[in-house]
C-alpha atoms as a PDB file:
ATOM      1  CA  MET A   1      24.822  34.366  37.350  1.00  0.00           C
ATOM      2  CA  GLU A   2      24.155  30.699  36.527  1.00  0.00           C
ATOM      3  CA  GLN A   3      24.402  31.468  32.814  1.00  0.00           C
ATOM      4  CA  ILE A   4      27.848  32.956  33.331  1.00  0.00           C
ATOM      5  CA  ILE A   5      28.939  29.882  35.263  1.00  0.00           C
ATOM      6  CA  MET A   6      27.542  27.500  32.629  1.00  0.00           C
ATOM      7  CA  ALA A   7      29.280  29.442  29.848  1.00  0.00           C
ATOM      8  CA  GLY A   8      32.468  29.298  31.851  1.00  0.00           C
ATOM      9  CA  LEU A   9      32.178  25.522  32.317  1.00  0.00           C
ATOM     10  CA  LYS A  10      31.862  25.060  28.566  1.00  0.00           C
ATOM     11  CA  GLU A  11      35.044  27.041  27.933  1.00  0.00           C
ATOM     12  CA  SER A  12      37.373  25.523  30.461  1.00  0.00           C
ATOM     13  CA  VAL A  13      37.769  24.265  33.977  1.00  0.00           C
ATOM     14  CA  TYR A  14      40.199  27.070  34.791  1.00  0.00           C
ATOM     15  CA  LEU A  15      37.697  29.690  33.766  1.00  0.00           C
ATOM     16  CA  ALA A  16      35.065  28.012  35.935  1.00  0.00           C
ATOM     17  CA  LEU A  17      37.439  27.972  38.906  1.00  0.00           C
ATOM     18  CA  SER A  18      38.298  31.621  38.328  1.00  0.00           C
ATOM     19  CA  LEU A  19      34.635  32.576  38.225  1.00  0.00           C
ATOM     20  CA  PHE A  20      33.964  30.550  41.344  1.00  0.00           C
ATOM     21  CA  LEU A  21      36.806  32.308  43.143  1.00  0.00           C
ATOM     22  CA  ILE A  22      35.610  35.738  42.040  1.00  0.00           C
ATOM     23  CA  PHE A  23      32.079  35.104  43.275  1.00  0.00           C
ATOM     24  CA  TRP A  24      33.336  33.531  46.489  1.00  0.00           C
ATOM     25  CA  ILE A  25      35.616  36.510  47.153  1.00  0.00           C
ATOM     26  CA  LEU A  26      32.757  38.929  46.508  1.00  0.00           C
ATOM     27  CA  LYS A  27      30.501  37.032  48.886  1.00  0.00           C
ATOM     28  CA  GLU A  28      33.180  36.887  51.603  1.00  0.00           C
ATOM     29  CA  ASN A  29      33.890  40.594  51.174  1.00  0.00           C
ATOM     30  CA  GLN A  30      30.200  41.372  51.652  1.00  0.00           C
ATOM     31  CA  LYS A  31      30.152  39.230  54.782  1.00  0.00           C
ATOM     32  CA  ARG A  32      33.284  40.897  56.138  1.00  0.00           C
ATOM     33  CA  GLU A  33      31.948  44.366  55.320  1.00  0.00           C
ATOM     34  CA  LYS A  34      28.703  43.600  57.183  1.00  0.00           C
ATOM     35  CA  GLU A  35      30.688  42.438  60.238  1.00  0.00           C
ATOM     36  CA  MET A  36      32.849  45.565  60.086  1.00  0.00           C
ATOM     37  CA  ARG A  37      29.793  47.828  59.889  1.00  0.00           C
ATOM     38  CA  GLU A  38      28.269  46.073  62.893  1.00  0.00           C
ATOM     39  CA  ASP A  39      31.524  46.508  64.801  1.00  0.00           C
ATOM     40  CA  ILE A  40      31.686  50.191  63.862  1.00  0.00           C
ATOM     41  CA  ASN A  41      28.094  50.707  64.996  1.00  0.00           C
ATOM     42  CA  LYS A  42      28.808  48.918  68.276  1.00  0.00           C
ATOM     43  CA  ARG A  43      31.907  51.049  68.931  1.00  0.00           C
ATOM     44  CA  GLU A  44      29.991  54.185  68.016  1.00  0.00           C
ATOM     45  CA  GLU A  45      27.312  53.369  70.593  1.00  0.00           C
ATOM     46  CA  GLU A  46      29.971  52.686  73.244  1.00  0.00           C
ATOM     47  CA  PHE A  47      31.629  56.007  72.394  1.00  0.00           C
ATOM     48  CA  LYS A  48      28.314  57.852  72.731  1.00  0.00           C
ATOM     49  CA  LYS A  49      27.754  56.296  76.160  1.00  0.00           C
ATOM     50  CA  LEU A  50      31.259  57.267  77.298  1.00  0.00           C
ATOM     51  CA  LEU A  51      30.806  60.776  75.952  1.00  0.00           C
ATOM     52  CA  ALA A  52      27.507  61.152  77.829  1.00  0.00           C
ATOM     53  CA  GLU A  53      29.115  59.881  81.049  1.00  0.00           C
ATOM     54  CA  THR A  54      32.023  62.285  80.585  1.00  0.00           C
ATOM     55  CA  ASN A  55      29.662  65.211  80.065  1.00  0.00           C
ATOM     56  CA  GLN A  56      27.776  64.269  83.228  1.00  0.00           C
ATOM     57  CA  MET A  57      31.032  64.134  85.165  1.00  0.00           C
ATOM     58  CA  LEU A  58      32.081  67.526  83.805  1.00  0.00           C
ATOM     59  CA  THR A  59      28.761  69.055  84.777  1.00  0.00           C
ATOM     60  CA  LYS A  60      29.017  67.596  88.276  1.00  0.00           C
ATOM     61  CA  ASN A  61      32.616  68.826  88.633  1.00  0.00           C
ATOM     62  CA  GLN A  62      31.579  72.311  87.533  1.00  0.00           C
ATOM     63  CA  GLU A  63      28.832  72.339  90.149  1.00  0.00           C
ATOM     64  CA  ILE A  64      31.323  71.244  92.836  1.00  0.00           C
ATOM     65  CA  ILE A  65      33.774  73.958  91.780  1.00  0.00           C
ATOM     66  CA  LYS A  66      30.993  76.558  91.919  1.00  0.00           C
ATOM     67  CA  GLU A  67      29.979  75.442  95.427  1.00  0.00           C
ATOM     68  CA  LEU A  68      33.590  75.458  96.641  1.00  0.00           C
ATOM     69  CA  THR A  69      34.152  78.912  95.172  1.00  0.00           C
ATOM     70  CA  GLU A  70      31.108  80.227  97.021  1.00  0.00           C
ATOM     71  CA  LYS A  71      32.357  78.669 100.270  1.00  0.00           C
ATOM     72  CA  LEU A  72      35.819  80.106  99.720  1.00  0.00           C
ATOM     73  CA  GLU A  73      34.298  83.545  99.257  1.00  0.00           C
ATOM     74  CA  ILE A  74      32.497  83.114 102.599  1.00  0.00           C
ATOM     75  CA  VAL A  75      35.736  82.025 104.290  1.00  0.00           C
ATOM     76  CA  ASN A  76      37.566  85.007 102.814  1.00  0.00           C
ATOM     77  CA  ALA A  77      34.814  87.339 104.003  1.00  0.00           C
ATOM     78  CA  ILE A  78      35.092  85.874 107.533  1.00  0.00           C
ATOM     79  CA  LYS A  79      38.869  86.267 107.377  1.00  0.00           C
ATOM     80  CA  ASP A  80      38.511  89.909 106.358  1.00  0.00           C
ATOM     81  CA  ASP A  81      35.993  90.479 109.165  1.00  0.00           C
ATOM     82  CA  VAL A  82      38.346  88.908 111.722  1.00  0.00           C
ATOM     83  CA  GLN A  83      41.203  91.123 110.500  1.00  0.00           C
ATOM     84  CA  GLU A  84      38.983  94.184 110.791  1.00  0.00           C
ATOM     85  CA  ILE A  85      37.903  93.197 114.338  1.00  0.00           C
ATOM     86  CA  LYS A  86      41.572  92.717 115.339  1.00  0.00           C
ATOM     87  CA  ILE A  87      42.400  96.163 113.975  1.00  0.00           C
ATOM     88  CA  ASN A  88      39.462  97.712 115.865  1.00  0.00           C
ATOM     89  CA  ILE A  89      40.440  95.940 119.099  1.00  0.00           C
ATOM     90  CA  ASN A  90      44.065  97.054 118.763  1.00  0.00           C
ATOM     91  CA  ALA A  91      42.959 100.596 117.979  1.00  0.00           C
ATOM     92  CA  SER A  92      40.682 100.745 120.997  1.00  0.00           C
ATOM     93  CA  LYS A  93      43.491  99.547 123.322  1.00  0.00           C
ATOM     94  CA  LYS A  94      45.734 102.448 122.356  1.00  0.00           C
END
C-alpha cells in the first residue's frame, strides 16, 4: 500500500489525493459496515427475545382457553341437569 502511495506522489499531487480518498473511503466503509453488522446482531437478539416472550404468552393464553372451555362444559352440564330436574318436577306435578 505504501508503494502505491509513493508511486502516486511521484506522479502528481492529484493522484496522491485521489489515492488517499479511495483508501479513506474504503476504511470508512469498513467501519460503517462493522457498525451496521453490530446493529443488525443487536436487533436480531431483541427480536428473538420478543419472539420468545410472544410464544410464552401464546402458550399461557392457550392454557387459559383450555381451562375456561373445561369450566364452560361443566356449567353447561349443570344447566342441562337443572333443565332435566325442572322437567321431572313438572312431570311429577301433573
